[in-house]
Amino acid sequence: MGNTSDAFSLARSGNTFTAATLLKEEFEIMRSSPQRVDLCEWIAHCFYQLEQFDEAGTWYETAGQLLLGEPSTPLQLKALNAVVEYEKALECYRNASDEDAVTECSSMLNEIRKACASA
């Protein structure tokens, strides 16, 4: 199927939905954690551009989860990197007026911040 360069070309030409679809396909086959985080961010950005804020938030959260699960990264660095992704997710959920997702994401942010402070 497509690849990331095709997806970027589609996104630049305004075909953001198809770009997101191609990037999601790439995400499913990719095994490298740092590259999967990048894909999550790009997919989230596409959905944000489409004003599908719940979907964008989910992908930012996925990026945060991948960062937290990275075995070779020190805990404090994992937490700091994940906070950025969860803050983006929280913004998306607020834009979507999804109160349940806002509550869950806020709780996760608080947990990560506590872990970061105690590390």
N, C-alpha and C. Protein backbone atom coordinates (compact mmCIF):
# COMPACT_ATOMS: atom_id res chain seq x y z
N MET A 1 0.84 -1.19 0.00
CA MET A 1 0.00 0.00 0.00
C MET A 1 0.88 1.25 0.00
N GLY A 2 0.39 2.26 0.67
CA GLY A 2 1.10 3.53 0.67
C GLY A 2 2.23 3.54 1.66
N ASN A 3 2.93 4.64 1.66
CA ASN A 3 3.99 4.81 2.64
C ASN A 3 3.94 6.23 3.17
N THR A 4 4.84 6.55 4.06
CA THR A 4 4.78 7.85 4.72
C THR A 4 4.99 9.01 3.75
N SER A 5 5.85 8.85 2.75
CA SER A 5 6.05 9.95 1.81
C SER A 5 4.78 10.20 0.99
N ASP A 6 4.07 9.11 0.62
CA ASP A 6 2.78 9.28 -0.06
C ASP A 6 1.80 10.02 0.84
N ALA A 7 1.79 9.64 2.11
CA ALA A 7 0.87 10.26 3.06
C ALA A 7 1.17 11.75 3.21
N PHE A 8 2.44 12.12 3.27
CA PHE A 8 2.78 13.54 3.39
C PHE A 8 2.38 14.31 2.15
N SER A 9 2.56 13.71 0.99
CA SER A 9 2.14 14.36 -0.25
C SER A 9 0.63 14.58 -0.26
N LEU A 10 -0.11 13.56 0.19
CA LEU A 10 -1.56 13.68 0.26
C LEU A 10 -1.98 14.76 1.25
N ALA A 11 -1.32 14.81 2.39
CA ALA A 11 -1.65 15.82 3.40
C ALA A 11 -1.38 17.22 2.86
N ARG A 12 -0.26 17.39 2.17
CA ARG A 12 0.06 18.70 1.60
C ARG A 12 -0.95 19.12 0.54
N SER A 13 -1.49 18.15 -0.18
CA SER A 13 -2.46 18.48 -1.23
C SER A 13 -3.87 18.63 -0.68
N GLY A 14 -4.03 18.48 0.64
CA GLY A 14 -5.33 18.68 1.27
C GLY A 14 -6.14 17.42 1.47
N ASN A 15 -5.60 16.28 1.09
CA ASN A 15 -6.30 15.02 1.26
C ASN A 15 -5.89 14.39 2.59
N THR A 16 -6.24 15.06 3.67
CA THR A 16 -5.79 14.70 5.01
C THR A 16 -6.36 13.37 5.48
N PHE A 17 -7.60 13.07 5.14
CA PHE A 17 -8.20 11.82 5.59
C PHE A 17 -7.47 10.61 5.00
N THR A 18 -7.18 10.66 3.70
CA THR A 18 -6.45 9.56 3.06
C THR A 18 -5.04 9.47 3.63
N ALA A 19 -4.44 10.61 3.91
CA ALA A 19 -3.11 10.61 4.52
C ALA A 19 -3.15 9.90 5.87
N ALA A 20 -4.15 10.21 6.68
CA ALA A 20 -4.29 9.56 7.99
C ALA A 20 -4.48 8.06 7.83
N THR A 21 -5.26 7.67 6.85
CA THR A 21 -5.49 6.24 6.61
C THR A 21 -4.20 5.53 6.25
N LEU A 22 -3.40 6.12 5.37
CA LEU A 22 -2.11 5.52 5.00
C LEU A 22 -1.17 5.44 6.20
N LEU A 23 -1.15 6.49 6.99
CA LEU A 23 -0.28 6.50 8.17
C LEU A 23 -0.72 5.45 9.18
N LYS A 24 -2.01 5.23 9.33
CA LYS A 24 -2.50 4.19 10.24
C LYS A 24 -2.07 2.81 9.75
N GLU A 25 -2.08 2.60 8.43
CA GLU A 25 -1.60 1.33 7.88
C GLU A 25 -0.12 1.14 8.17
N GLU A 26 0.66 2.19 8.02
CA GLU A 26 2.09 2.13 8.33
C GLU A 26 2.31 1.82 9.80
N PHE A 27 1.50 2.43 10.66
CA PHE A 27 1.61 2.20 12.10
C PHE A 27 1.44 0.72 12.43
N GLU A 28 0.49 0.08 11.78
CA GLU A 28 0.20 -1.33 12.05
C GLU A 28 1.37 -2.25 11.70
N ILE A 29 2.16 -1.88 10.69
CA ILE A 29 3.25 -2.77 10.28
C ILE A 29 4.59 -2.38 10.87
N MET A 30 4.71 -1.17 11.38
CA MET A 30 5.98 -0.68 11.90
C MET A 30 6.24 -1.26 13.29
N ARG A 31 7.46 -1.62 13.55
CA ARG A 31 7.82 -2.21 14.85
C ARG A 31 8.73 -1.30 15.68
N SER A 32 9.40 -0.35 15.08
CA SER A 32 10.31 0.53 15.80
C SER A 32 9.50 1.52 16.65
N SER A 33 9.73 1.49 17.94
CA SER A 33 8.96 2.33 18.85
C SER A 33 9.09 3.82 18.55
N PRO A 34 10.30 4.37 18.36
CA PRO A 34 10.39 5.80 18.07
C PRO A 34 9.64 6.19 16.79
N GLN A 35 9.71 5.33 15.79
CA GLN A 35 8.99 5.63 14.55
C GLN A 35 7.49 5.52 14.75
N ARG A 36 7.05 4.62 15.58
CA ARG A 36 5.61 4.49 15.87
C ARG A 36 5.12 5.74 16.60
N VAL A 37 5.93 6.29 17.48
CA VAL A 37 5.55 7.53 18.17
C VAL A 37 5.38 8.65 17.15
N ASP A 38 6.33 8.77 16.24
CA ASP A 38 6.23 9.80 15.19
C ASP A 38 4.97 9.61 14.36
N LEU A 39 4.68 8.37 13.99
CA LEU A 39 3.46 8.10 13.22
C LEU A 39 2.21 8.50 13.99
N CYS A 40 2.18 8.18 15.27
CA CYS A 40 1.03 8.58 16.10
C CYS A 40 0.83 10.09 16.06
N GLU A 41 1.92 10.82 16.18
CA GLU A 41 1.83 12.28 16.16
C GLU A 41 1.32 12.78 14.82
N TRP A 42 1.81 12.20 13.74
CA TRP A 42 1.37 12.62 12.40
C TRP A 42 -0.09 12.27 12.17
N ILE A 43 -0.49 11.09 12.60
CA ILE A 43 -1.89 10.69 12.46
C ILE A 43 -2.78 11.63 13.28
N ALA A 44 -2.36 11.90 14.50
CA ALA A 44 -3.12 12.81 15.36
C ALA A 44 -3.26 14.18 14.70
N HIS A 45 -2.17 14.66 14.13
CA HIS A 45 -2.19 15.97 13.46
C HIS A 45 -3.19 15.96 12.30
N CYS A 46 -3.20 14.89 11.53
CA CYS A 46 -4.16 14.79 10.41
C CYS A 46 -5.60 14.87 10.93
N PHE A 47 -5.90 14.10 11.98
CA PHE A 47 -7.25 14.12 12.52
C PHE A 47 -7.57 15.47 13.15
N TYR A 48 -6.57 16.12 13.72
CA TYR A 48 -6.79 17.45 14.27
C TYR A 48 -7.18 18.42 13.15
N GLN A 49 -6.46 18.33 12.03
CA GLN A 49 -6.77 19.18 10.88
C GLN A 49 -8.19 18.93 10.36
N LEU A 50 -8.64 17.69 10.48
CA LEU A 50 -9.99 17.33 10.05
C LEU A 50 -11.04 17.67 11.12
N GLU A 51 -10.57 18.22 12.24
CA GLU A 51 -11.41 18.56 13.38
C GLU A 51 -12.10 17.34 13.97
N GLN A 52 -11.45 16.19 13.83
CA GLN A 52 -11.91 14.97 14.49
C GLN A 52 -11.08 14.84 15.77
N PHE A 53 -11.43 15.69 16.73
CA PHE A 53 -10.61 15.88 17.92
C PHE A 53 -10.52 14.64 18.81
N ASP A 54 -11.62 13.88 18.94
CA ASP A 54 -11.55 12.66 19.74
C ASP A 54 -10.53 11.69 19.16
N GLU A 55 -10.56 11.52 17.85
CA GLU A 55 -9.62 10.61 17.18
C GLU A 55 -8.19 11.13 17.34
N ALA A 56 -8.00 12.42 17.19
CA ALA A 56 -6.67 13.01 17.38
C ALA A 56 -6.17 12.77 18.80
N GLY A 57 -7.04 12.98 19.77
CA GLY A 57 -6.66 12.76 21.16
C GLY A 57 -6.24 11.33 21.43
N THR A 58 -6.96 10.40 20.84
CA THR A 58 -6.63 8.98 21.01
C THR A 58 -5.23 8.69 20.49
N TRP A 59 -4.88 9.26 19.36
CA TRP A 59 -3.55 9.01 18.78
C TRP A 59 -2.45 9.69 19.59
N TYR A 60 -2.72 10.88 20.15
CA TYR A 60 -1.72 11.50 21.02
C TYR A 60 -1.53 10.66 22.29
N GLU A 61 -2.62 10.12 22.81
CA GLU A 61 -2.50 9.24 23.98
C GLU A 61 -1.70 7.98 23.64
N THR A 62 -1.92 7.44 22.47
CA THR A 62 -1.16 6.26 22.05
C THR A 62 0.33 6.58 22.00
N ALA A 63 0.66 7.76 21.49
CA ALA A 63 2.07 8.17 21.47
C ALA A 63 2.61 8.24 22.90
N GLY A 64 1.82 8.78 23.82
CA GLY A 64 2.24 8.86 25.22
C GLY A 64 2.44 7.48 25.83
N GLN A 65 1.55 6.55 25.51
CA GLN A 65 1.68 5.19 26.03
C GLN A 65 2.94 4.51 25.50
N LEU A 66 3.22 4.72 24.22
CA LEU A 66 4.44 4.15 23.65
C LEU A 66 5.68 4.72 24.33
N LEU A 67 5.67 6.01 24.58
CA LEU A 67 6.81 6.64 25.25
C LEU A 67 6.98 6.08 26.66
N LEU A 68 5.88 5.90 27.37
CA LEU A 68 5.97 5.36 28.73
C LEU A 68 6.46 3.92 28.76
N GLY A 69 6.20 3.20 27.69
CA GLY A 69 6.58 1.79 27.63
C GLY A 69 7.97 1.53 27.07
N GLU A 70 8.68 2.58 26.74
CA GLU A 70 10.02 2.42 26.15
C GLU A 70 10.99 1.91 27.21
N PRO A 71 11.49 0.68 27.06
CA PRO A 71 12.32 0.07 28.11
C PRO A 71 13.70 0.69 28.28
N SER A 72 14.25 1.28 27.25
CA SER A 72 15.62 1.77 27.33
C SER A 72 15.73 3.23 27.76
N THR A 73 14.61 3.85 28.09
CA THR A 73 14.61 5.27 28.45
C THR A 73 14.42 5.40 29.96
N PRO A 74 15.21 6.27 30.63
CA PRO A 74 15.02 6.49 32.06
C PRO A 74 13.59 6.99 32.37
N LEU A 75 13.07 6.59 33.54
CA LEU A 75 11.70 6.90 33.92
C LEU A 75 11.37 8.38 33.81
N GLN A 76 12.22 9.23 34.32
CA GLN A 76 11.93 10.66 34.32
C GLN A 76 11.83 11.21 32.90
N LEU A 77 12.70 10.77 32.01
CA LEU A 77 12.65 11.22 30.62
C LEU A 77 11.39 10.70 29.93
N LYS A 78 11.04 9.43 30.20
CA LYS A 78 9.80 8.87 29.65
C LYS A 78 8.61 9.72 30.08
N ALA A 79 8.58 10.04 31.36
CA ALA A 79 7.45 10.81 31.90
C ALA A 79 7.39 12.20 31.28
N LEU A 80 8.52 12.86 31.17
CA LEU A 80 8.54 14.20 30.58
C LEU A 80 8.05 14.17 29.14
N ASN A 81 8.50 13.19 28.37
CA ASN A 81 8.08 13.09 26.97
C ASN A 81 6.60 12.75 26.86
N ALA A 82 6.13 11.87 27.72
CA ALA A 82 4.72 11.46 27.68
C ALA A 82 3.79 12.60 28.07
N VAL A 83 4.22 13.44 29.00
CA VAL A 83 3.39 14.57 29.43
C VAL A 83 3.02 15.44 28.23
N VAL A 84 3.96 15.67 27.35
CA VAL A 84 3.70 16.50 26.17
C VAL A 84 2.58 15.89 25.33
N GLU A 85 2.63 14.59 25.12
CA GLU A 85 1.61 13.92 24.31
C GLU A 85 0.25 13.93 25.00
N TYR A 86 0.24 13.69 26.29
CA TYR A 86 -1.03 13.70 27.02
C TYR A 86 -1.63 15.10 27.10
N GLU A 87 -0.80 16.12 27.16
CA GLU A 87 -1.31 17.50 27.15
C GLU A 87 -1.98 17.80 25.81
N LYS A 88 -1.38 17.32 24.71
CA LYS A 88 -2.00 17.49 23.39
C LYS A 88 -3.32 16.74 23.33
N ALA A 89 -3.34 15.53 23.88
CA ALA A 89 -4.58 14.74 23.89
C ALA A 89 -5.66 15.48 24.69
N LEU A 90 -5.28 16.01 25.82
CA LEU A 90 -6.23 16.73 26.67
C LEU A 90 -6.84 17.92 25.91
N GLU A 91 -6.02 18.66 25.20
CA GLU A 91 -6.51 19.78 24.39
C GLU A 91 -7.53 19.28 23.36
N CYS A 92 -7.21 18.17 22.72
CA CYS A 92 -8.13 17.61 21.72
C CYS A 92 -9.46 17.23 22.35
N TYR A 93 -9.41 16.57 23.49
CA TYR A 93 -10.64 16.15 24.16
C TYR A 93 -11.47 17.35 24.60
N ARG A 94 -10.79 18.39 25.02
CA ARG A 94 -11.52 19.62 25.38
C ARG A 94 -12.19 20.22 24.14
N ASN A 95 -11.48 20.22 23.02
CA ASN A 95 -12.06 20.72 21.77
C ASN A 95 -13.26 19.89 21.34
N ALA A 96 -13.23 18.60 21.66
CA ALA A 96 -14.33 17.70 21.30
C ALA A 96 -15.46 17.74 22.33
N SER A 97 -15.25 18.46 23.43
CA SER A 97 -16.21 18.50 24.54
C SER A 97 -16.53 17.10 25.06
N ASP A 98 -15.49 16.27 25.13
CA ASP A 98 -15.63 14.90 25.63
C ASP A 98 -15.20 14.89 27.09
N GLU A 99 -16.15 15.12 27.97
CA GLU A 99 -15.84 15.26 29.39
C GLU A 99 -15.24 14.00 30.01
N ASP A 100 -15.71 12.83 29.59
CA ASP A 100 -15.16 11.58 30.12
C ASP A 100 -13.69 11.44 29.74
N ALA A 101 -13.37 11.73 28.49
CA ALA A 101 -11.98 11.63 28.03
C ALA A 101 -11.12 12.69 28.71
N VAL A 102 -11.68 13.89 28.92
CA VAL A 102 -10.94 14.95 29.63
C VAL A 102 -10.58 14.48 31.03
N THR A 103 -11.55 13.88 31.72
CA THR A 103 -11.32 13.40 33.09
C THR A 103 -10.25 12.31 33.12
N GLU A 104 -10.38 11.33 32.23
CA GLU A 104 -9.40 10.23 32.19
C GLU A 104 -8.01 10.72 31.83
N CYS A 105 -7.93 11.60 30.85
CA CYS A 105 -6.63 12.11 30.41
C CYS A 105 -6.00 12.97 31.51
N SER A 106 -6.81 13.78 32.17
CA SER A 106 -6.31 14.61 33.28
C SER A 106 -5.75 13.74 34.40
N SER A 107 -6.45 12.65 34.70
CA SER A 107 -5.98 11.72 35.73
C SER A 107 -4.63 11.12 35.34
N MET A 108 -4.52 10.72 34.09
CA MET A 108 -3.26 10.14 33.62
C MET A 108 -2.14 11.16 33.69
N LEU A 109 -2.42 12.38 33.30
CA LEU A 109 -1.41 13.44 33.39
C LEU A 109 -0.94 13.63 34.83
N ASN A 110 -1.88 13.63 35.76
CA ASN A 110 -1.52 13.77 37.18
C ASN A 110 -0.64 12.62 37.64
N GLU A 111 -0.97 11.40 37.23
CA GLU A 111 -0.16 10.23 37.59
C GLU A 111 1.26 10.35 37.03
N ILE A 112 1.35 10.76 35.78
CA ILE A 112 2.68 10.87 35.14
C ILE A 112 3.48 11.96 35.83
N ARG A 113 2.86 13.08 36.14
CA ARG A 113 3.56 14.17 36.81
C ARG A 113 4.05 13.74 38.20
N LYS A 114 3.24 12.96 38.90
CA LYS A 114 3.65 12.46 40.22
C LYS A 114 4.85 11.53 40.07
N ALA A 115 4.79 10.65 39.08
CA ALA A 115 5.91 9.72 38.85
C ALA A 115 7.16 10.48 38.50
N CYS A 116 7.01 11.53 37.73
CA CYS A 116 8.16 12.34 37.31
C CYS A 116 8.76 13.07 38.53
N ALA A 117 7.90 13.59 39.39
CA ALA A 117 8.36 14.33 40.57
C ALA A 117 9.07 13.42 41.57
N SER A 118 8.63 12.17 41.66
CA SER A 118 9.22 11.26 42.63
C SER A 118 10.44 10.53 42.10
N ALA A 119 10.71 10.66 40.83
CA ALA A 119 11.86 9.94 40.24
C ALA A 119 13.17 10.64 40.54
